[in-house]
Amino acid sequence: MAPAKAMMPDLVYCTDAYDAAEGADAVVIVTEWDAYRALDLARLKRVMAGPVMVDLRNVYQRADVEQAGFAYTAVGR
């Protein structure tokens, strides 16, 4: 992260997905990276202000996300 911070010092940098989602009203999945394919949905919901997930990569199954208490929107399904 140090090289990125040197080039873009005005951004907010987070240690992980949960840190980035803290207090958020919604999360948007825009990558298929493994780190985002296996999120602990219960933990994610606990740190968020509003449990909304928009999945632009169709990484998650609707039933799993909704069972975890999220409002879920996927693209192309």
N, C-alpha and C. Protein backbone atom coordinates (compact mmCIF):
# COMPACT_ATOMS: atom_id res chain seq x y z
N MET A 1 0.81 -1.20 0.00
CA MET A 1 0.00 0.00 0.00
C MET A 1 0.85 1.26 0.00
N ALA A 2 2.06 1.17 0.49
CA ALA A 2 2.89 2.37 0.59
C ALA A 2 3.08 3.08 -0.75
N PRO A 3 3.38 2.35 -1.84
CA PRO A 3 3.52 3.05 -3.12
C PRO A 3 2.21 3.73 -3.57
N ALA A 4 1.09 3.07 -3.32
CA ALA A 4 -0.20 3.67 -3.69
C ALA A 4 -0.47 4.92 -2.85
N LYS A 5 -0.18 4.86 -1.56
CA LYS A 5 -0.40 6.02 -0.70
C LYS A 5 0.45 7.21 -1.13
N ALA A 6 1.66 6.91 -1.61
CA ALA A 6 2.54 7.99 -2.06
C ALA A 6 1.96 8.69 -3.30
N MET A 7 1.30 7.91 -4.16
CA MET A 7 0.74 8.48 -5.39
C MET A 7 -0.66 9.06 -5.19
N MET A 8 -1.41 8.48 -4.25
CA MET A 8 -2.80 8.89 -4.02
C MET A 8 -3.06 9.09 -2.53
N PRO A 9 -2.51 10.12 -1.94
CA PRO A 9 -2.59 10.30 -0.49
C PRO A 9 -3.99 10.66 0.03
N ASP A 10 -4.88 11.10 -0.83
CA ASP A 10 -6.20 11.54 -0.37
C ASP A 10 -7.21 10.41 -0.26
N LEU A 11 -6.86 9.19 -0.66
CA LEU A 11 -7.77 8.05 -0.55
C LEU A 11 -7.78 7.50 0.86
N VAL A 12 -8.85 6.80 1.20
CA VAL A 12 -8.93 6.10 2.48
C VAL A 12 -8.49 4.67 2.23
N TYR A 13 -7.48 4.20 2.94
CA TYR A 13 -6.95 2.85 2.77
C TYR A 13 -7.43 1.98 3.92
N CYS A 14 -7.81 0.74 3.59
CA CYS A 14 -8.36 -0.18 4.58
C CYS A 14 -7.54 -1.46 4.61
N THR A 15 -7.58 -2.14 5.74
CA THR A 15 -6.80 -3.36 5.90
C THR A 15 -7.45 -4.58 5.25
N ASP A 16 -8.78 -4.59 5.17
CA ASP A 16 -9.49 -5.72 4.57
C ASP A 16 -10.91 -5.29 4.20
N ALA A 17 -11.68 -6.23 3.68
CA ALA A 17 -13.04 -5.93 3.23
C ALA A 17 -13.93 -5.48 4.39
N TYR A 18 -13.73 -6.04 5.56
CA TYR A 18 -14.56 -5.69 6.71
C TYR A 18 -14.27 -4.27 7.18
N ASP A 19 -13.00 -3.90 7.15
CA ASP A 19 -12.60 -2.54 7.49
C ASP A 19 -13.21 -1.56 6.49
N ALA A 20 -13.19 -1.92 5.22
CA ALA A 20 -13.76 -1.05 4.18
C ALA A 20 -15.28 -0.92 4.31
N ALA A 21 -15.94 -1.97 4.78
CA ALA A 21 -17.40 -1.98 4.87
C ALA A 21 -17.92 -1.37 6.17
N GLU A 22 -17.06 -1.09 7.11
CA GLU A 22 -17.50 -0.59 8.41
C GLU A 22 -18.31 0.70 8.28
N GLY A 23 -19.55 0.63 8.75
CA GLY A 23 -20.45 1.78 8.72
C GLY A 23 -21.10 2.05 7.38
N ALA A 24 -20.82 1.22 6.39
CA ALA A 24 -21.36 1.43 5.04
C ALA A 24 -22.83 1.02 4.96
N ASP A 25 -23.57 1.71 4.12
CA ASP A 25 -24.96 1.35 3.86
C ASP A 25 -25.06 0.21 2.86
N ALA A 26 -24.04 0.05 2.03
CA ALA A 26 -24.05 -0.99 1.01
C ALA A 26 -22.62 -1.36 0.63
N VAL A 27 -22.45 -2.58 0.14
CA VAL A 27 -21.18 -2.99 -0.47
C VAL A 27 -21.47 -3.38 -1.91
N VAL A 28 -20.49 -3.13 -2.75
CA VAL A 28 -20.60 -3.49 -4.16
C VAL A 28 -19.41 -4.39 -4.49
N ILE A 29 -19.70 -5.60 -4.95
CA ILE A 29 -18.66 -6.54 -5.33
C ILE A 29 -18.33 -6.29 -6.80
N VAL A 30 -17.10 -5.86 -7.06
CA VAL A 30 -16.71 -5.52 -8.44
C VAL A 30 -15.52 -6.36 -8.91
N THR A 31 -15.14 -7.37 -8.14
CA THR A 31 -13.99 -8.21 -8.50
C THR A 31 -14.31 -9.66 -8.17
N GLU A 32 -13.61 -10.56 -8.83
CA GLU A 32 -13.77 -11.99 -8.55
C GLU A 32 -12.61 -12.52 -7.72
N TRP A 33 -11.82 -11.64 -7.13
CA TRP A 33 -10.69 -12.08 -6.32
C TRP A 33 -11.16 -13.00 -5.21
N ASP A 34 -10.34 -14.01 -4.90
CA ASP A 34 -10.70 -14.99 -3.88
C ASP A 34 -11.05 -14.36 -2.54
N ALA A 35 -10.37 -13.28 -2.19
CA ALA A 35 -10.62 -12.63 -0.90
C ALA A 35 -12.07 -12.15 -0.78
N TYR A 36 -12.73 -11.92 -1.89
CA TYR A 36 -14.11 -11.42 -1.87
C TYR A 36 -15.12 -12.50 -2.18
N ARG A 37 -14.66 -13.68 -2.51
CA ARG A 37 -15.55 -14.81 -2.80
C ARG A 37 -15.99 -15.55 -1.54
N ALA A 38 -15.27 -15.35 -0.47
CA ALA A 38 -15.53 -16.12 0.75
C ALA A 38 -15.68 -15.22 1.96
N LEU A 39 -16.38 -14.12 1.81
CA LEU A 39 -16.59 -13.22 2.94
C LEU A 39 -17.48 -13.88 3.99
N ASP A 40 -17.20 -13.60 5.23
CA ASP A 40 -18.04 -14.03 6.34
C ASP A 40 -19.23 -13.06 6.36
N LEU A 41 -20.36 -13.50 5.81
CA LEU A 41 -21.49 -12.60 5.63
C LEU A 41 -22.05 -12.11 6.97
N ALA A 42 -22.02 -12.94 7.99
CA ALA A 42 -22.51 -12.51 9.31
C ALA A 42 -21.61 -11.39 9.85
N ARG A 43 -20.32 -11.56 9.72
CA ARG A 43 -19.38 -10.52 10.18
C ARG A 43 -19.55 -9.25 9.35
N LEU A 44 -19.70 -9.40 8.04
CA LEU A 44 -19.88 -8.26 7.17
C LEU A 44 -21.12 -7.47 7.58
N LYS A 45 -22.20 -8.17 7.83
CA LYS A 45 -23.46 -7.51 8.23
C LYS A 45 -23.29 -6.77 9.55
N ARG A 46 -22.55 -7.36 10.49
CA ARG A 46 -22.35 -6.73 11.80
C ARG A 46 -21.64 -5.38 11.70
N VAL A 47 -20.70 -5.25 10.77
CA VAL A 47 -19.93 -4.01 10.70
C VAL A 47 -20.60 -2.94 9.84
N MET A 48 -21.62 -3.33 9.09
CA MET A 48 -22.27 -2.39 8.18
C MET A 48 -23.43 -1.66 8.85
N ALA A 49 -23.75 -0.48 8.35
CA ALA A 49 -24.91 0.27 8.82
C ALA A 49 -26.19 -0.28 8.20
N GLY A 50 -26.11 -0.69 6.97
CA GLY A 50 -27.27 -1.24 6.26
C GLY A 50 -26.84 -2.46 5.47
N PRO A 51 -27.53 -3.57 5.61
CA PRO A 51 -27.10 -4.79 4.92
C PRO A 51 -27.60 -4.86 3.47
N VAL A 52 -26.88 -4.20 2.59
CA VAL A 52 -27.21 -4.22 1.16
C VAL A 52 -25.97 -4.66 0.39
N MET A 53 -26.14 -5.64 -0.49
CA MET A 53 -25.03 -6.08 -1.33
C MET A 53 -25.45 -6.01 -2.79
N VAL A 54 -24.60 -5.38 -3.59
CA VAL A 54 -24.77 -5.35 -5.04
C VAL A 54 -23.61 -6.16 -5.60
N ASP A 55 -23.92 -7.24 -6.28
CA ASP A 55 -22.91 -8.17 -6.76
C ASP A 55 -22.80 -8.04 -8.28
N LEU A 56 -21.81 -7.29 -8.73
CA LEU A 56 -21.64 -7.06 -10.17
C LEU A 56 -20.89 -8.19 -10.86
N ARG A 57 -20.39 -9.16 -10.10
CA ARG A 57 -19.63 -10.28 -10.68
C ARG A 57 -20.32 -11.62 -10.46
N ASN A 58 -21.49 -11.62 -9.85
CA ASN A 58 -22.24 -12.86 -9.58
C ASN A 58 -21.39 -13.87 -8.80
N VAL A 59 -20.71 -13.36 -7.79
CA VAL A 59 -19.85 -14.19 -6.95
C VAL A 59 -20.67 -15.01 -5.95
N TYR A 60 -21.76 -14.45 -5.49
CA TYR A 60 -22.57 -15.10 -4.44
C TYR A 60 -23.89 -15.62 -4.98
N GLN A 61 -24.41 -16.59 -4.26
CA GLN A 61 -25.74 -17.11 -4.56
C GLN A 61 -26.76 -16.28 -3.80
N ARG A 62 -27.81 -15.85 -4.48
CA ARG A 62 -28.84 -15.02 -3.87
C ARG A 62 -29.36 -15.59 -2.56
N ALA A 63 -29.67 -16.87 -2.54
CA ALA A 63 -30.25 -17.49 -1.34
C ALA A 63 -29.31 -17.36 -0.14
N ASP A 64 -28.02 -17.54 -0.36
CA ASP A 64 -27.05 -17.45 0.75
C ASP A 64 -26.98 -16.03 1.32
N VAL A 65 -26.95 -15.05 0.43
CA VAL A 65 -26.83 -13.66 0.88
C VAL A 65 -28.11 -13.20 1.56
N GLU A 66 -29.24 -13.55 0.99
CA GLU A 66 -30.52 -13.15 1.60
C GLU A 66 -30.74 -13.88 2.93
N GLN A 67 -30.31 -15.12 3.03
CA GLN A 67 -30.42 -15.86 4.29
C GLN A 67 -29.57 -15.20 5.38
N ALA A 68 -28.49 -14.56 4.98
CA ALA A 68 -27.62 -13.85 5.92
C ALA A 68 -28.22 -12.50 6.31
N GLY A 69 -29.35 -12.12 5.70
CA GLY A 69 -30.04 -10.90 6.10
C GLY A 69 -29.78 -9.69 5.22
N PHE A 70 -29.18 -9.90 4.06
CA PHE A 70 -28.89 -8.80 3.15
C PHE A 70 -30.00 -8.62 2.11
N ALA A 71 -30.18 -7.39 1.68
CA ALA A 71 -30.92 -7.13 0.45
C ALA A 71 -29.89 -7.33 -0.65
N TYR A 72 -30.19 -8.12 -1.66
CA TYR A 72 -29.20 -8.54 -2.65
C TYR A 72 -29.65 -8.19 -4.05
N THR A 73 -28.73 -7.60 -4.81
CA THR A 73 -28.97 -7.31 -6.22
C THR A 73 -27.79 -7.86 -6.99
N ALA A 74 -28.08 -8.64 -8.02
CA ALA A 74 -27.04 -9.18 -8.89
C ALA A 74 -27.31 -8.70 -10.32
N VAL A 75 -26.27 -8.66 -11.10
CA VAL A 75 -26.39 -8.20 -12.49
C VAL A 75 -26.33 -9.41 -13.41
N GLY A 76 -27.25 -9.49 -14.33
CA GLY A 76 -27.22 -10.53 -15.35
C GLY A 76 -27.79 -11.87 -14.95
N ARG A 77 -28.53 -11.90 -13.87
CA ARG A 77 -29.15 -13.18 -13.49
C ARG A 77 -30.64 -13.09 -13.69
